[in-house]
């Protein structure tokens, strides 16, 4: 499948991008957000708060979740569920099992893809997130290759990226 790069948001310390299937108008992130807004609105609100926190501090590794050792693919929300912003049930912080898979290029640039409600420890064993996880790994590899080949290039002292208007990622 072919994807174009879509700029999703600018924050003080973070630029957020996603991928949009060629021929469609909705990015992977917007599709994720719209789908989960119906299914799990409170968990999604927490996850969006985590993205806002990243925007205020940058895509710091301690604010992201590594779900598979050695993988470039990360997830939101972070592992430490007891520090703000927290997801709460019955007034107590609890783990938010909603996962948004992402690729951190550096503290200033983050790609967000898609995800779902994780029901098992291993994302490859979860029917809700397995395909999002596998796709996310392919997206990470394709983006890294495009940077290496200078099809995606750094601007503003590595605080943002750019590419030609007709650039396509194919996985």
C-alpha atoms as a PDB file:
ATOM      1  CA  UNK A   1       0.000   0.000   0.000  1.00  0.00           C
ATOM      2  CA  UNK A   2       1.140   3.572  -0.642  1.00  0.00           C
ATOM      3  CA  UNK A   3       1.094   6.462   1.847  1.00  0.00           C
ATOM      4  CA  UNK A   4       1.844  10.159   1.846  1.00  0.00           C
ATOM      5  CA  UNK A   5       3.124  12.083   4.858  1.00  0.00           C
ATOM      6  CA  UNK A   6       0.581  14.253   6.674  1.00  0.00           C
ATOM      7  CA  UNK A   7       1.461  16.935   9.219  1.00  0.00           C
ATOM      8  CA  UNK A   8      -0.944  16.474  12.149  1.00  0.00           C
ATOM      9  CA  UNK A   9       0.078  19.059  14.761  1.00  0.00           C
ATOM     10  CA  UNK A  10       2.683  21.558  15.902  1.00  0.00           C
ATOM     11  CA  UNK A  11       3.474  22.050  19.559  1.00  0.00           C
ATOM     12  CA  UNK A  12       6.101  24.163  21.270  1.00  0.00           C
ATOM     13  CA  UNK A  13       8.584  21.262  21.375  1.00  0.00           C
ATOM     14  CA  UNK A  14       7.168  18.751  18.907  1.00  0.00           C
ATOM     15  CA  UNK A  15       6.056  18.293  15.302  1.00  0.00           C
ATOM     16  CA  UNK A  16       3.623  15.397  14.820  1.00  0.00           C
ATOM     17  CA  UNK A  17       3.171  13.565  11.514  1.00  0.00           C
ATOM     18  CA  UNK A  18       1.123  10.624  10.308  1.00  0.00           C
ATOM     19  CA  UNK A  19       0.640   8.706   7.077  1.00  0.00           C
ATOM     20  CA  UNK A  20      -2.366   8.919   4.775  1.00  0.00           C
ATOM     21  CA  UNK A  21      -3.219   6.128   2.335  1.00  0.00           C
ATOM     22  CA  UNK A  22      -2.891   7.458  -1.228  1.00  0.00           C
ATOM     23  CA  UNK A  23      -6.315   8.305  -2.607  1.00  0.00           C
ATOM     24  CA  UNK A  24      -7.851   8.834   0.832  1.00  0.00           C
ATOM     25  CA  UNK A  25      -8.303  12.026   2.822  1.00  0.00           C
ATOM     26  CA  UNK A  26      -8.034  10.591   6.350  1.00  0.00           C
ATOM     27  CA  UNK A  27      -4.663   9.844   7.946  1.00  0.00           C
ATOM     28  CA  UNK A  28      -4.010   6.734   9.998  1.00  0.00           C
ATOM     29  CA  UNK A  29      -3.997   8.855  13.161  1.00  0.00           C
ATOM     30  CA  UNK A  30      -7.314  10.597  12.393  1.00  0.00           C
ATOM     31  CA  UNK A  31      -8.913   7.246  11.569  1.00  0.00           C
ATOM     32  CA  UNK A  32      -7.610   5.887  14.890  1.00  0.00           C
ATOM     33  CA  UNK A  33      -8.860   8.935  16.809  1.00  0.00           C
ATOM     34  CA  UNK A  34     -12.311   8.875  15.201  1.00  0.00           C
ATOM     35  CA  UNK A  35     -12.710   5.120  15.744  1.00  0.00           C
ATOM     36  CA  UNK A  36     -11.594   5.168  19.392  1.00  0.00           C
ATOM     37  CA  UNK A  37     -13.633   8.278  20.178  1.00  0.00           C
ATOM     38  CA  UNK A  38     -16.693   6.077  19.751  1.00  0.00           C
ATOM     39  CA  UNK A  39     -15.330   2.894  21.360  1.00  0.00           C
ATOM     40  CA  UNK A  40     -13.230   4.222  24.286  1.00  0.00           C
ATOM     41  CA  UNK A  41     -13.683   7.994  24.696  1.00  0.00           C
ATOM     42  CA  UNK A  42     -12.153   8.293  28.212  1.00  0.00           C
ATOM     43  CA  UNK A  43      -9.101   6.235  27.286  1.00  0.00           C
ATOM     44  CA  UNK A  44      -8.682   8.263  24.104  1.00  0.00           C
ATOM     45  CA  UNK A  45      -8.915  11.548  26.035  1.00  0.00           C
ATOM     46  CA  UNK A  46      -6.098  10.307  28.284  1.00  0.00           C
ATOM     47  CA  UNK A  47      -3.999   9.288  25.290  1.00  0.00           C
ATOM     48  CA  UNK A  48      -4.507  12.701  23.654  1.00  0.00           C
ATOM     49  CA  UNK A  49      -3.415  14.308  26.963  1.00  0.00           C
ATOM     50  CA  UNK A  50      -0.214  12.277  26.698  1.00  0.00           C
ATOM     51  CA  UNK A  51       0.382  13.697  23.206  1.00  0.00           C
ATOM     52  CA  UNK A  52      -0.138  17.213  24.588  1.00  0.00           C
ATOM     53  CA  UNK A  53       2.426  16.444  27.299  1.00  0.00           C
ATOM     54  CA  UNK A  54       4.874  15.345  24.600  1.00  0.00           C
ATOM     55  CA  UNK A  55       4.226  18.648  22.858  1.00  0.00           C
ATOM     56  CA  UNK A  56       5.169  20.564  26.004  1.00  0.00           C
ATOM     57  CA  UNK A  57       8.325  18.538  26.703  1.00  0.00           C
ATOM     58  CA  UNK A  58       9.338  16.829  23.452  1.00  0.00           C
ATOM     59  CA  UNK A  59       9.215  13.164  22.512  1.00  0.00           C
ATOM     60  CA  UNK A  60      11.348  12.075  25.451  1.00  0.00           C
ATOM     61  CA  UNK A  61      11.892   8.325  25.718  1.00  0.00           C
ATOM     62  CA  UNK A  62      10.507   8.163  29.271  1.00  0.00           C
ATOM     63  CA  UNK A  63       7.196   9.539  27.951  1.00  0.00           C
ATOM     64  CA  UNK A  64       6.835   6.715  25.417  1.00  0.00           C
ATOM     65  CA  UNK A  65       6.405   2.960  25.683  1.00  0.00           C
ATOM     66  CA  UNK A  66       8.645   0.337  24.094  1.00  0.00           C
ATOM     67  CA  UNK A  67       6.499  -2.753  23.618  1.00  0.00           C
ATOM     68  CA  UNK A  68       9.095  -4.957  21.974  1.00  0.00           C
ATOM     69  CA  UNK A  69      12.800  -4.917  22.766  1.00  0.00           C
ATOM     70  CA  UNK A  70      14.969  -3.748  19.905  1.00  0.00           C
ATOM     71  CA  UNK A  71      12.084  -2.293  17.919  1.00  0.00           C
ATOM     72  CA  UNK A  72      12.013   1.290  16.637  1.00  0.00           C
ATOM     73  CA  UNK A  73       8.244   1.185  17.085  1.00  0.00           C
ATOM     74  CA  UNK A  74       7.042   2.828  20.284  1.00  0.00           C
ATOM     75  CA  UNK A  75       3.597   3.446  21.751  1.00  0.00           C
ATOM     76  CA  UNK A  76       1.603   6.025  23.642  1.00  0.00           C
ATOM     77  CA  UNK A  77       0.721   6.141  26.561  1.00  0.00           C
ATOM     78  CA  UNK A  78       3.901   5.817  28.603  1.00  0.00           C
ATOM     79  CA  UNK A  79       4.450   2.862  30.950  1.00  0.00           C
ATOM     80  CA  UNK A  80       4.406   4.834  34.203  1.00  0.00           C
ATOM     81  CA  UNK A  81       0.661   5.145  34.669  1.00  0.00           C
ATOM     82  CA  UNK A  82       0.817   6.828  38.104  1.00  0.00           C
ATOM     83  CA  UNK A  83       2.329  10.137  36.928  1.00  0.00           C
ATOM     84  CA  UNK A  84       0.357  12.849  35.150  1.00  0.00           C
ATOM     85  CA  UNK A  85      -1.448  12.673  32.909  1.00  0.00           C
ATOM     86  CA  UNK A  86      -3.128   9.636  34.429  1.00  0.00           C
ATOM     87  CA  UNK A  87      -6.034   7.519  33.298  1.00  0.00           C
ATOM     88  CA  UNK A  88      -8.356   6.962  36.229  1.00  0.00           C
ATOM     89  CA  UNK A  89     -11.139   4.598  37.140  1.00  0.00           C
ATOM     90  CA  UNK A  90     -12.972   4.984  40.460  1.00  0.00           C
ATOM     91  CA  UNK A  91     -10.659   7.905  41.315  1.00  0.00           C
ATOM     92  CA  UNK A  92      -7.484   5.790  41.098  1.00  0.00           C
ATOM     93  CA  UNK A  93      -4.806   5.782  38.395  1.00  0.00           C
ATOM     94  CA  UNK A  94      -4.921   2.561  36.379  1.00  0.00           C
ATOM     95  CA  UNK A  95      -3.180   1.309  33.242  1.00  0.00           C
ATOM     96  CA  UNK A  96      -4.680   2.528  29.997  1.00  0.00           C
ATOM     97  CA  UNK A  97      -4.417  -0.407  27.601  1.00  0.00           C
ATOM     98  CA  UNK A  98      -5.209   1.737  24.562  1.00  0.00           C
ATOM     99  CA  UNK A  99      -2.171   1.827  22.282  1.00  0.00           C
ATOM    100  CA  UNK A 100      -1.219   4.345  19.623  1.00  0.00           C
ATOM    101  CA  UNK A 101       1.869   3.139  17.797  1.00  0.00           C
ATOM    102  CA  UNK A 102       4.439   5.740  16.854  1.00  0.00           C
ATOM    103  CA  UNK A 103       7.962   6.341  15.579  1.00  0.00           C
ATOM    104  CA  UNK A 104      10.187   8.839  17.374  1.00  0.00           C
ATOM    105  CA  UNK A 105      12.728  10.390  15.019  1.00  0.00           C
ATOM    106  CA  UNK A 106      14.150  12.569  17.791  1.00  0.00           C
ATOM    107  CA  UNK A 107      12.816  14.733  20.647  1.00  0.00           C
ATOM    108  CA  UNK A 108      11.296  17.149  18.121  1.00  0.00           C
ATOM    109  CA  UNK A 109       9.634  14.887  15.515  1.00  0.00           C
ATOM    110  CA  UNK A 110       7.156  12.061  16.053  1.00  0.00           C
ATOM    111  CA  UNK A 111       5.145   9.980  13.587  1.00  0.00           C
ATOM    112  CA  UNK A 112       1.854   8.600  14.944  1.00  0.00           C
ATOM    113  CA  UNK A 113       0.149   5.712  13.181  1.00  0.00           C
ATOM    114  CA  UNK A 114      -2.765   3.680  14.534  1.00  0.00           C
ATOM    115  CA  UNK A 115      -3.560   1.152  17.237  1.00  0.00           C
ATOM    116  CA  UNK A 116      -6.322  -0.205  19.424  1.00  0.00           C
ATOM    117  CA  UNK A 117      -7.159  -1.615  22.827  1.00  0.00           C
ATOM    118  CA  UNK A 118      -4.445  -4.105  23.779  1.00  0.00           C
ATOM    119  CA  UNK A 119      -5.795  -7.214  25.526  1.00  0.00           C
ATOM    120  CA  UNK A 120      -2.614  -9.305  25.937  1.00  0.00           C
ATOM    121  CA  UNK A 121       0.953  -8.580  27.079  1.00  0.00           C
ATOM    122  CA  UNK A 122       2.413  -9.445  23.680  1.00  0.00           C
ATOM    123  CA  UNK A 123       1.086  -7.147  20.938  1.00  0.00           C
ATOM    124  CA  UNK A 124       1.573  -9.950  18.420  1.00  0.00           C
ATOM    125  CA  UNK A 125      -0.896 -12.103  20.391  1.00  0.00           C
ATOM    126  CA  UNK A 126      -3.585  -9.400  20.601  1.00  0.00           C
ATOM    127  CA  UNK A 127      -6.203  -9.467  17.832  1.00  0.00           C
ATOM    128  CA  UNK A 128      -6.928  -5.753  18.363  1.00  0.00           C
ATOM    129  CA  UNK A 129      -3.401  -4.413  17.877  1.00  0.00           C
ATOM    130  CA  UNK A 130      -1.424  -7.125  16.071  1.00  0.00           C
ATOM    131  CA  UNK A 131      -1.841  -5.727  12.558  1.00  0.00           C
ATOM    132  CA  UNK A 132      -1.319  -2.124  13.736  1.00  0.00           C
ATOM    133  CA  UNK A 133       1.889  -3.230  15.472  1.00  0.00           C
ATOM    134  CA  UNK A 134       3.187  -5.076  12.398  1.00  0.00           C
ATOM    135  CA  UNK A 135       2.274  -2.193  10.083  1.00  0.00           C
ATOM    136  CA  UNK A 136       3.949   0.228  12.484  1.00  0.00           C
ATOM    137  CA  UNK A 137       7.194  -1.721  12.303  1.00  0.00           C
ATOM    138  CA  UNK A 138       7.069  -1.559   8.502  1.00  0.00           C
ATOM    139  CA  UNK A 139       6.334   2.177   8.623  1.00  0.00           C
ATOM    140  CA  UNK A 140       9.356   2.735  10.896  1.00  0.00           C
ATOM    141  CA  UNK A 141      11.625   0.852   8.478  1.00  0.00           C
ATOM    142  CA  UNK A 142      10.259   2.728   5.450  1.00  0.00           C
ATOM    143  CA  UNK A 143      10.623   6.138   7.132  1.00  0.00           C
ATOM    144  CA  UNK A 144      14.162   5.348   8.308  1.00  0.00           C
ATOM    145  CA  UNK A 145      15.107   4.217   4.788  1.00  0.00           C
ATOM    146  CA  UNK A 146      13.625   7.379   3.273  1.00  0.00           C
ATOM    147  CA  UNK A 147      15.680   9.508   5.683  1.00  0.00           C
ATOM    148  CA  UNK A 148      18.821   7.537   4.869  1.00  0.00           C
ATOM    149  CA  UNK A 149      18.158   8.032   1.143  1.00  0.00           C
ATOM    150  CA  UNK A 150      17.398  11.739   1.780  1.00  0.00           C
ATOM    151  CA  UNK A 151      13.864  11.408   0.402  1.00  0.00           C
ATOM    152  CA  UNK A 152      12.739  12.718   3.795  1.00  0.00           C
ATOM    153  CA  UNK A 153      15.174  15.345   4.985  1.00  0.00           C
ATOM    154  CA  UNK A 154      15.822  17.346   8.116  1.00  0.00           C
ATOM    155  CA  UNK A 155      15.180  21.093   8.316  1.00  0.00           C
ATOM    156  CA  UNK A 156      15.602  23.747  11.011  1.00  0.00           C
ATOM    157  CA  UNK A 157      18.560  22.093  12.762  1.00  0.00           C
ATOM    158  CA  UNK A 158      16.834  18.703  13.072  1.00  0.00           C
ATOM    159  CA  UNK A 159      13.656  20.130  14.618  1.00  0.00           C
ATOM    160  CA  UNK A 160      11.446  19.268  11.632  1.00  0.00           C
ATOM    161  CA  UNK A 161      11.345  17.234   8.432  1.00  0.00           C
ATOM    162  CA  UNK A 162      10.258  17.792   4.857  1.00  0.00           C
ATOM    163  CA  UNK A 163       9.942  15.882   1.618  1.00  0.00           C
ATOM    164  CA  UNK A 164       8.849  16.540  -1.963  1.00  0.00           C
ATOM    165  CA  UNK A 165       5.115  17.009  -2.532  1.00  0.00           C
ATOM    166  CA  UNK A 166       4.915  13.770  -4.496  1.00  0.00           C
ATOM    167  CA  UNK A 167       6.856  11.628  -1.994  1.00  0.00           C
ATOM    168  CA  UNK A 168       5.199   8.259  -1.296  1.00  0.00           C
ATOM    169  CA  UNK A 169       6.004   5.530   1.240  1.00  0.00           C
ATOM    170  CA  UNK A 170       5.182   2.066   0.006  1.00  0.00           C
ATOM    171  CA  UNK A 171       4.914  -1.005   2.213  1.00  0.00           C
END
